[in-house]
Amino acid sequence: MPDKRNDVITWDEFFMRVAVAAQLRSKDPNTQVGACIADTNHRILSVGYNGTPSALNDDDFPWGVSDDPLLDKHSYVVHAEANAVLNYRGSLKDLNHATIYVTLFPCHECAKILAQVGIGEVVYLSDKYDGTESNQISKRILDSCGISYRGMNLQN
C-alpha cells in the first residue's frame, strides 16, 4: 500500500485560495477582493467578492472613484465580507467562531458586520490601508470584540 502524500496545502492556504478565486469574479477595475468563511470543522460556509448587489445591473452603475457620490463606485458596491455574510443560507448563529479569509483587511463597516455575526478570526493577505482612520477603527472594533486577526502569505 503506497504512503499517503504529506505535501498538501494547509487549511489556511486552501481557504485563502478560495478567497483569491472569489476575487476573480469582481468587476472592480481597481480593487478586487474575495472572502471565504469557514467553520471550525474545515467546511466552507460562504464565499463573496466585492460587487454591486445582484438586483442591480452593474453595467448601469459607475466603477470609478469620484467626489460626486452619484458617480462613485463606493456608493454602489457591496464589500466581499458583507457579501459572504449575506450569501450564507444557514442560520447566522452558525457563523459564530468561524474564520473569514479575505484578500484585503476589512474596512470598519465590514468589521462591524463581522462582529455582529460573531466571526472569531480574520485571516488576510493584504493590509494596504494599514494606519488609515478606517483601518484603525476596524482594528479597534475587532480588538474590542475579541476577534483575532492575522496576516498570511500564499506560496506559489
N, C-alpha and C. Protein backbone atom coordinates (compact mmCIF):
# COMPACT_ATOMS: atom_id res chain seq x y z
N MET A 1 0.85 -1.18 0.00
CA MET A 1 0.00 0.00 0.00
C MET A 1 0.89 1.24 0.00
N PRO A 2 0.70 2.17 -0.94
CA PRO A 2 1.57 3.35 -1.01
C PRO A 2 1.29 4.30 0.16
N ASP A 3 2.33 5.04 0.52
CA ASP A 3 2.20 6.04 1.58
C ASP A 3 1.37 7.22 1.07
N LYS A 4 0.63 7.80 1.96
CA LYS A 4 -0.16 8.98 1.56
C LYS A 4 0.76 10.16 1.34
N ARG A 5 0.30 11.08 0.55
CA ARG A 5 1.03 12.30 0.25
C ARG A 5 1.02 13.21 1.48
N ASN A 6 2.14 13.79 1.84
CA ASN A 6 2.23 14.66 3.01
C ASN A 6 2.44 16.13 2.66
N ASP A 7 2.66 16.42 1.38
CA ASP A 7 2.97 17.80 0.99
C ASP A 7 1.72 18.55 0.54
N VAL A 8 0.61 18.35 1.26
CA VAL A 8 -0.64 19.02 0.92
C VAL A 8 -0.64 20.42 1.50
N ILE A 9 -1.47 21.29 0.92
CA ILE A 9 -1.56 22.65 1.45
C ILE A 9 -2.32 22.64 2.77
N THR A 10 -2.09 23.65 3.58
CA THR A 10 -2.77 23.76 4.87
C THR A 10 -4.21 24.21 4.65
N TRP A 11 -5.04 24.07 5.69
CA TRP A 11 -6.40 24.56 5.61
C TRP A 11 -6.41 26.06 5.38
N ASP A 12 -5.54 26.80 6.06
CA ASP A 12 -5.46 28.25 5.84
C ASP A 12 -5.20 28.56 4.37
N GLU A 13 -4.25 27.87 3.79
CA GLU A 13 -3.92 28.13 2.39
C GLU A 13 -5.08 27.74 1.48
N PHE A 14 -5.74 26.64 1.77
CA PHE A 14 -6.88 26.21 0.97
C PHE A 14 -7.97 27.27 0.97
N PHE A 15 -8.37 27.73 2.16
CA PHE A 15 -9.47 28.69 2.26
C PHE A 15 -9.07 30.04 1.67
N MET A 16 -7.81 30.43 1.84
CA MET A 16 -7.37 31.70 1.26
C MET A 16 -7.35 31.60 -0.27
N ARG A 17 -7.00 30.45 -0.81
CA ARG A 17 -7.03 30.28 -2.26
C ARG A 17 -8.46 30.34 -2.79
N VAL A 18 -9.43 29.90 -2.00
CA VAL A 18 -10.83 30.05 -2.38
C VAL A 18 -11.18 31.54 -2.42
N ALA A 19 -10.71 32.30 -1.42
CA ALA A 19 -10.95 33.75 -1.41
C ALA A 19 -10.30 34.42 -2.61
N VAL A 20 -9.10 33.99 -2.95
CA VAL A 20 -8.41 34.54 -4.12
C VAL A 20 -9.20 34.22 -5.39
N ALA A 21 -9.73 33.01 -5.49
CA ALA A 21 -10.54 32.65 -6.65
C ALA A 21 -11.80 33.51 -6.70
N ALA A 22 -12.41 33.77 -5.54
CA ALA A 22 -13.63 34.58 -5.50
C ALA A 22 -13.36 36.00 -5.99
N GLN A 23 -12.20 36.56 -5.65
CA GLN A 23 -11.91 37.93 -6.07
C GLN A 23 -11.82 38.06 -7.58
N LEU A 24 -11.57 36.97 -8.26
CA LEU A 24 -11.51 37.00 -9.71
C LEU A 24 -12.87 37.27 -10.35
N ARG A 25 -13.95 37.16 -9.57
CA ARG A 25 -15.30 37.47 -10.05
C ARG A 25 -15.60 38.97 -9.98
N SER A 26 -14.82 39.71 -9.23
CA SER A 26 -15.06 41.14 -9.06
C SER A 26 -14.83 41.89 -10.36
N LYS A 27 -15.74 42.80 -10.68
CA LYS A 27 -15.60 43.62 -11.88
C LYS A 27 -14.97 44.98 -11.58
N ASP A 28 -14.61 45.20 -10.34
CA ASP A 28 -13.98 46.46 -9.95
C ASP A 28 -12.63 46.58 -10.65
N PRO A 29 -12.40 47.65 -11.42
CA PRO A 29 -11.15 47.76 -12.16
C PRO A 29 -9.94 48.08 -11.28
N ASN A 30 -10.17 48.53 -10.05
CA ASN A 30 -9.05 48.94 -9.20
C ASN A 30 -8.74 47.95 -8.08
N THR A 31 -9.74 47.50 -7.37
CA THR A 31 -9.52 46.65 -6.20
C THR A 31 -10.47 45.47 -6.24
N GLN A 32 -9.92 44.29 -6.40
CA GLN A 32 -10.72 43.08 -6.37
C GLN A 32 -10.48 42.40 -5.02
N VAL A 33 -11.57 42.09 -4.33
CA VAL A 33 -11.46 41.48 -3.01
C VAL A 33 -12.34 40.24 -2.96
N GLY A 34 -11.83 39.17 -2.38
CA GLY A 34 -12.58 37.95 -2.19
C GLY A 34 -12.59 37.56 -0.73
N ALA A 35 -13.62 36.80 -0.33
CA ALA A 35 -13.74 36.34 1.04
C ALA A 35 -14.28 34.92 1.06
N CYS A 36 -13.83 34.15 2.02
CA CYS A 36 -14.30 32.79 2.24
C CYS A 36 -14.47 32.60 3.74
N ILE A 37 -15.66 32.16 4.16
CA ILE A 37 -15.92 31.90 5.58
C ILE A 37 -15.92 30.39 5.78
N ALA A 38 -15.12 29.93 6.74
CA ALA A 38 -15.03 28.50 7.05
C ALA A 38 -15.27 28.29 8.54
N ASP A 39 -15.91 27.17 8.86
CA ASP A 39 -16.16 26.89 10.28
C ASP A 39 -15.00 26.10 10.88
N THR A 40 -15.12 25.78 12.15
CA THR A 40 -14.03 25.10 12.86
C THR A 40 -13.87 23.65 12.43
N ASN A 41 -14.84 23.12 11.66
CA ASN A 41 -14.74 21.77 11.12
C ASN A 41 -14.18 21.75 9.70
N HIS A 42 -13.61 22.87 9.28
CA HIS A 42 -13.00 23.00 7.95
C HIS A 42 -14.00 22.86 6.83
N ARG A 43 -15.20 23.39 7.03
CA ARG A 43 -16.23 23.42 5.99
C ARG A 43 -16.42 24.85 5.52
N ILE A 44 -16.51 25.04 4.22
CA ILE A 44 -16.80 26.36 3.68
C ILE A 44 -18.27 26.67 3.93
N LEU A 45 -18.52 27.80 4.59
CA LEU A 45 -19.89 28.23 4.85
C LEU A 45 -20.39 29.17 3.77
N SER A 46 -19.51 30.04 3.29
CA SER A 46 -19.93 31.02 2.30
C SER A 46 -18.72 31.66 1.64
N VAL A 47 -18.98 32.26 0.49
CA VAL A 47 -17.96 32.96 -0.28
C VAL A 47 -18.56 34.25 -0.79
N GLY A 48 -17.74 35.28 -0.94
CA GLY A 48 -18.22 36.54 -1.50
C GLY A 48 -17.09 37.32 -2.16
N TYR A 49 -17.47 38.30 -2.93
CA TYR A 49 -16.50 39.20 -3.56
C TYR A 49 -17.14 40.57 -3.66
N ASN A 50 -16.33 41.60 -3.90
CA ASN A 50 -16.89 42.95 -3.98
C ASN A 50 -17.55 43.18 -5.33
N GLY A 51 -18.78 43.67 -5.25
CA GLY A 51 -19.55 43.94 -6.47
C GLY A 51 -20.87 44.58 -6.14
N THR A 52 -21.60 44.96 -7.18
CA THR A 52 -22.90 45.58 -6.97
C THR A 52 -23.89 44.51 -6.48
N PRO A 53 -24.95 44.94 -5.78
CA PRO A 53 -25.98 43.99 -5.37
C PRO A 53 -26.54 43.24 -6.58
N SER A 54 -26.89 41.99 -6.39
CA SER A 54 -27.32 41.16 -7.51
C SER A 54 -28.57 41.69 -8.22
N ALA A 55 -29.36 42.49 -7.53
CA ALA A 55 -30.57 43.05 -8.14
C ALA A 55 -30.26 44.20 -9.10
N LEU A 56 -29.04 44.72 -9.07
CA LEU A 56 -28.65 45.83 -9.93
C LEU A 56 -27.92 45.32 -11.16
N ASN A 57 -28.12 45.97 -12.28
CA ASN A 57 -27.35 45.70 -13.48
C ASN A 57 -26.06 46.49 -13.35
N ASP A 58 -24.95 45.80 -13.18
CA ASP A 58 -23.69 46.52 -12.92
C ASP A 58 -23.19 47.31 -14.12
N ASP A 59 -23.81 47.16 -15.28
CA ASP A 59 -23.46 47.99 -16.43
C ASP A 59 -24.06 49.39 -16.29
N ASP A 60 -25.04 49.54 -15.43
CA ASP A 60 -25.73 50.82 -15.26
C ASP A 60 -25.15 51.66 -14.14
N PHE A 61 -24.09 51.19 -13.49
CA PHE A 61 -23.53 51.90 -12.34
C PHE A 61 -22.04 52.15 -12.54
N PRO A 62 -21.53 53.21 -11.94
CA PRO A 62 -20.12 53.58 -12.17
C PRO A 62 -19.15 52.63 -11.46
N TRP A 63 -17.98 52.49 -12.06
CA TRP A 63 -16.91 51.69 -11.47
C TRP A 63 -15.69 52.55 -11.14
N GLY A 64 -15.83 53.86 -11.28
CA GLY A 64 -14.72 54.75 -10.97
C GLY A 64 -14.90 55.42 -9.62
N VAL A 65 -13.88 56.17 -9.25
CA VAL A 65 -13.90 56.92 -7.99
C VAL A 65 -14.14 58.38 -8.33
N SER A 66 -15.06 59.01 -7.60
CA SER A 66 -15.43 60.39 -7.87
C SER A 66 -15.78 61.09 -6.57
N ASP A 67 -15.63 62.42 -6.56
CA ASP A 67 -16.08 63.21 -5.41
C ASP A 67 -17.60 63.30 -5.36
N ASP A 68 -18.24 63.00 -6.47
CA ASP A 68 -19.70 63.01 -6.55
C ASP A 68 -20.21 61.62 -6.16
N PRO A 69 -20.93 61.50 -5.03
CA PRO A 69 -21.40 60.18 -4.58
C PRO A 69 -22.26 59.45 -5.62
N LEU A 70 -22.94 60.20 -6.49
CA LEU A 70 -23.75 59.55 -7.51
C LEU A 70 -22.92 58.89 -8.59
N LEU A 71 -21.66 59.30 -8.70
CA LEU A 71 -20.77 58.77 -9.73
C LEU A 71 -19.62 57.92 -9.15
N ASP A 72 -19.67 57.65 -7.85
CA ASP A 72 -18.59 56.93 -7.17
C ASP A 72 -18.98 55.48 -6.92
N LYS A 73 -18.11 54.57 -7.30
CA LYS A 73 -18.38 53.14 -7.14
C LYS A 73 -18.69 52.77 -5.70
N HIS A 74 -18.08 53.45 -4.76
CA HIS A 74 -18.26 53.11 -3.35
C HIS A 74 -19.71 53.26 -2.89
N SER A 75 -20.48 54.04 -3.60
CA SER A 75 -21.89 54.21 -3.27
C SER A 75 -22.73 52.99 -3.66
N TYR A 76 -22.20 52.12 -4.49
CA TYR A 76 -22.99 51.04 -5.06
C TYR A 76 -22.43 49.63 -4.80
N VAL A 77 -21.18 49.53 -4.44
CA VAL A 77 -20.53 48.22 -4.30
C VAL A 77 -20.69 47.68 -2.88
N VAL A 78 -21.01 46.39 -2.79
CA VAL A 78 -21.05 45.67 -1.52
C VAL A 78 -19.69 44.98 -1.36
N HIS A 79 -19.09 45.12 -0.20
CA HIS A 79 -17.77 44.54 0.03
C HIS A 79 -17.85 43.01 0.13
N ALA A 80 -16.72 42.37 -0.12
CA ALA A 80 -16.64 40.91 -0.15
C ALA A 80 -17.09 40.28 1.16
N GLU A 81 -16.67 40.85 2.29
CA GLU A 81 -17.02 40.28 3.60
C GLU A 81 -18.53 40.33 3.81
N ALA A 82 -19.12 41.48 3.49
CA ALA A 82 -20.57 41.64 3.64
C ALA A 82 -21.29 40.68 2.70
N ASN A 83 -20.81 40.55 1.47
CA ASN A 83 -21.43 39.61 0.53
C ASN A 83 -21.34 38.18 1.03
N ALA A 84 -20.21 37.80 1.62
CA ALA A 84 -20.07 36.44 2.15
C ALA A 84 -21.09 36.19 3.26
N VAL A 85 -21.30 37.16 4.13
CA VAL A 85 -22.30 37.02 5.19
C VAL A 85 -23.70 36.97 4.57
N LEU A 86 -23.98 37.87 3.64
CA LEU A 86 -25.30 37.90 3.02
C LEU A 86 -25.59 36.67 2.16
N ASN A 87 -24.56 36.08 1.59
CA ASN A 87 -24.73 34.89 0.75
C ASN A 87 -24.97 33.62 1.57
N TYR A 88 -24.68 33.67 2.88
CA TYR A 88 -24.83 32.48 3.71
C TYR A 88 -26.30 32.11 3.83
N ARG A 89 -26.62 30.87 3.58
CA ARG A 89 -28.02 30.43 3.56
C ARG A 89 -28.46 29.75 4.84
N GLY A 90 -27.56 29.56 5.78
CA GLY A 90 -27.94 28.93 7.04
C GLY A 90 -28.28 29.97 8.09
N SER A 91 -28.33 29.53 9.32
CA SER A 91 -28.57 30.43 10.44
C SER A 91 -27.30 31.22 10.72
N LEU A 92 -27.44 32.53 10.91
CA LEU A 92 -26.26 33.36 11.16
C LEU A 92 -25.51 32.92 12.42
N LYS A 93 -26.20 32.23 13.33
CA LYS A 93 -25.50 31.76 14.53
C LYS A 93 -24.42 30.74 14.17
N ASP A 94 -24.55 30.10 13.00
CA ASP A 94 -23.53 29.15 12.55
C ASP A 94 -22.22 29.85 12.20
N LEU A 95 -22.25 31.16 12.00
CA LEU A 95 -21.03 31.91 11.70
C LEU A 95 -20.23 32.21 12.97
N ASN A 96 -20.86 31.97 14.13
CA ASN A 96 -20.21 32.23 15.41
C ASN A 96 -18.92 31.41 15.51
N HIS A 97 -17.82 32.09 15.77
CA HIS A 97 -16.48 31.50 15.92
C HIS A 97 -15.87 31.02 14.61
N ALA A 98 -16.52 31.28 13.48
CA ALA A 98 -15.95 30.89 12.19
C ALA A 98 -14.78 31.82 11.85
N THR A 99 -14.03 31.43 10.86
CA THR A 99 -12.90 32.23 10.38
C THR A 99 -13.25 32.76 9.00
N ILE A 100 -12.96 34.04 8.78
CA ILE A 100 -13.13 34.60 7.45
C ILE A 100 -11.74 34.85 6.86
N TYR A 101 -11.56 34.37 5.65
CA TYR A 101 -10.32 34.55 4.90
C TYR A 101 -10.61 35.63 3.87
N VAL A 102 -9.87 36.73 3.91
CA VAL A 102 -10.10 37.84 3.00
C VAL A 102 -8.79 38.26 2.35
N THR A 103 -8.90 38.71 1.13
CA THR A 103 -7.69 39.11 0.42
C THR A 103 -7.25 40.52 0.82
N LEU A 104 -8.14 41.30 1.44
CA LEU A 104 -7.82 42.65 1.91
C LEU A 104 -8.42 42.83 3.29
N PHE A 105 -7.64 43.39 4.22
CA PHE A 105 -8.12 43.58 5.59
C PHE A 105 -9.44 44.34 5.59
N PRO A 106 -10.41 43.92 6.40
CA PRO A 106 -11.74 44.53 6.37
C PRO A 106 -11.75 46.01 6.77
N CYS A 107 -12.61 46.77 6.08
CA CYS A 107 -12.86 48.16 6.46
C CYS A 107 -13.67 48.17 7.76
N HIS A 108 -13.88 49.34 8.32
CA HIS A 108 -14.60 49.39 9.60
C HIS A 108 -16.07 49.02 9.46
N GLU A 109 -16.68 49.26 8.30
CA GLU A 109 -18.08 48.86 8.11
C GLU A 109 -18.19 47.33 8.10
N CYS A 110 -17.26 46.67 7.42
CA CYS A 110 -17.27 45.20 7.39
C CYS A 110 -16.90 44.63 8.75
N ALA A 111 -16.00 45.29 9.46
CA ALA A 111 -15.65 44.83 10.81
C ALA A 111 -16.87 44.81 11.71
N LYS A 112 -17.74 45.80 11.58
CA LYS A 112 -18.97 45.82 12.37
C LYS A 112 -19.86 44.63 12.02
N ILE A 113 -19.97 44.33 10.74
CA ILE A 113 -20.79 43.19 10.31
C ILE A 113 -20.20 41.89 10.84
N LEU A 114 -18.89 41.73 10.74
CA LEU A 114 -18.24 40.52 11.22
C LEU A 114 -18.42 40.36 12.72
N ALA A 115 -18.34 41.46 13.45
CA ALA A 115 -18.57 41.42 14.89
C ALA A 115 -20.01 41.03 15.19
N GLN A 116 -20.94 41.58 14.44
CA GLN A 116 -22.36 41.32 14.67
C GLN A 116 -22.72 39.84 14.50
N VAL A 117 -22.08 39.16 13.53
CA VAL A 117 -22.41 37.75 13.29
C VAL A 117 -21.52 36.80 14.09
N GLY A 118 -20.58 37.33 14.86
CA GLY A 118 -19.78 36.50 15.75
C GLY A 118 -18.57 35.83 15.14
N ILE A 119 -18.06 36.36 14.04
CA ILE A 119 -16.84 35.79 13.45
C ILE A 119 -15.76 35.76 14.54
N GLY A 120 -14.99 34.69 14.57
CA GLY A 120 -13.97 34.53 15.59
C GLY A 120 -12.58 34.97 15.17
N GLU A 121 -12.30 34.89 13.86
CA GLU A 121 -10.96 35.23 13.39
C GLU A 121 -11.02 35.76 11.97
N VAL A 122 -10.13 36.71 11.69
CA VAL A 122 -9.94 37.27 10.35
C VAL A 122 -8.52 36.93 9.91
N VAL A 123 -8.41 36.29 8.76
CA VAL A 123 -7.10 35.99 8.16
C VAL A 123 -7.07 36.75 6.85
N TYR A 124 -6.02 37.53 6.63
CA TYR A 124 -5.98 38.41 5.46
C TYR A 124 -4.65 38.31 4.73
N LEU A 125 -4.68 38.64 3.44
CA LEU A 125 -3.46 38.67 2.63
C LEU A 125 -2.80 40.03 2.63
N SER A 126 -3.62 41.09 2.52
CA SER A 126 -3.07 42.45 2.40
C SER A 126 -3.72 43.37 3.42
N ASP A 127 -2.90 44.26 3.96
CA ASP A 127 -3.40 45.31 4.85
C ASP A 127 -2.92 46.65 4.28
N LYS A 128 -3.21 46.85 2.98
CA LYS A 128 -2.64 48.00 2.28
C LYS A 128 -3.13 49.33 2.82
N TYR A 129 -4.21 49.34 3.59
CA TYR A 129 -4.71 50.58 4.18
C TYR A 129 -4.30 50.71 5.65
N ASP A 130 -3.30 49.95 6.07
CA ASP A 130 -2.84 49.98 7.46
C ASP A 130 -2.52 51.41 7.88
N GLY A 131 -3.03 51.78 9.04
CA GLY A 131 -2.76 53.11 9.58
C GLY A 131 -3.79 54.16 9.21
N THR A 132 -4.65 53.87 8.24
CA THR A 132 -5.69 54.84 7.89
C THR A 132 -6.73 54.89 9.02
N GLU A 133 -7.54 55.91 9.00
CA GLU A 133 -8.57 56.05 10.04
C GLU A 133 -9.51 54.85 10.03
N SER A 134 -9.99 54.44 8.85
CA SER A 134 -10.90 53.30 8.76
C SER A 134 -10.23 52.03 9.28
N ASN A 135 -8.97 51.84 8.96
CA ASN A 135 -8.23 50.66 9.40
C ASN A 135 -8.08 50.66 10.92
N GLN A 136 -7.79 51.80 11.49
CA GLN A 136 -7.65 51.90 12.95
C GLN A 136 -8.98 51.60 13.64
N ILE A 137 -10.08 52.12 13.07
CA ILE A 137 -11.40 51.86 13.64
C ILE A 137 -11.71 50.37 13.53
N SER A 138 -11.42 49.79 12.38
CA SER A 138 -11.67 48.36 12.16
C SER A 138 -10.93 47.53 13.20
N LYS A 139 -9.66 47.81 13.41
CA LYS A 139 -8.88 47.05 14.38
C LYS A 139 -9.39 47.26 15.80
N ARG A 140 -9.85 48.46 16.10
CA ARG A 140 -10.41 48.71 17.43
C ARG A 140 -11.69 47.89 17.63
N ILE A 141 -12.53 47.83 16.60
CA ILE A 141 -13.76 47.03 16.68
C ILE A 141 -13.40 45.56 16.90
N LEU A 142 -12.51 45.02 16.08
CA LEU A 142 -12.13 43.62 16.19
C LEU A 142 -11.51 43.33 17.55
N ASP A 143 -10.60 44.20 17.99
CA ASP A 143 -9.96 44.01 19.30
C ASP A 143 -10.99 44.04 20.43
N SER A 144 -11.91 44.98 20.36
CA SER A 144 -12.92 45.13 21.42
C SER A 144 -13.85 43.93 21.50
N CYS A 145 -14.06 43.27 20.39
CA CYS A 145 -14.96 42.11 20.34
C CYS A 145 -14.23 40.79 20.54
N GLY A 146 -12.92 40.85 20.70
CA GLY A 146 -12.15 39.63 20.87
C GLY A 146 -11.98 38.82 19.58
N ILE A 147 -12.12 39.50 18.44
CA ILE A 147 -11.91 38.83 17.16
C ILE A 147 -10.43 38.93 16.81
N SER A 148 -9.77 37.79 16.70
CA SER A 148 -8.35 37.82 16.37
C SER A 148 -8.18 38.04 14.87
N TYR A 149 -7.03 38.54 14.50
CA TYR A 149 -6.72 38.74 13.08
C TYR A 149 -5.24 38.55 12.87
N ARG A 150 -4.93 38.02 11.69
CA ARG A 150 -3.52 37.78 11.36
C ARG A 150 -3.36 37.77 9.84
N GLY A 151 -2.22 38.24 9.42
CA GLY A 151 -1.88 38.20 8.02
C GLY A 151 -1.26 36.88 7.65
N MET A 152 -1.33 36.56 6.39
CA MET A 152 -0.65 35.34 5.90
C MET A 152 -0.14 35.60 4.50
N ASN A 153 0.79 34.78 4.07
CA ASN A 153 1.32 34.82 2.72
C ASN A 153 0.95 33.52 2.03
N LEU A 154 0.72 33.60 0.74
CA LEU A 154 0.47 32.39 -0.05
C LEU A 154 1.74 32.03 -0.79
N GLN A 155 2.07 30.75 -0.77
CA GLN A 155 3.19 30.25 -1.55
C GLN A 155 2.68 29.92 -2.95
N ASN A 156 3.50 30.15 -3.95
CA ASN A 156 3.08 29.82 -5.32
C ASN A 156 3.14 28.36 -5.60
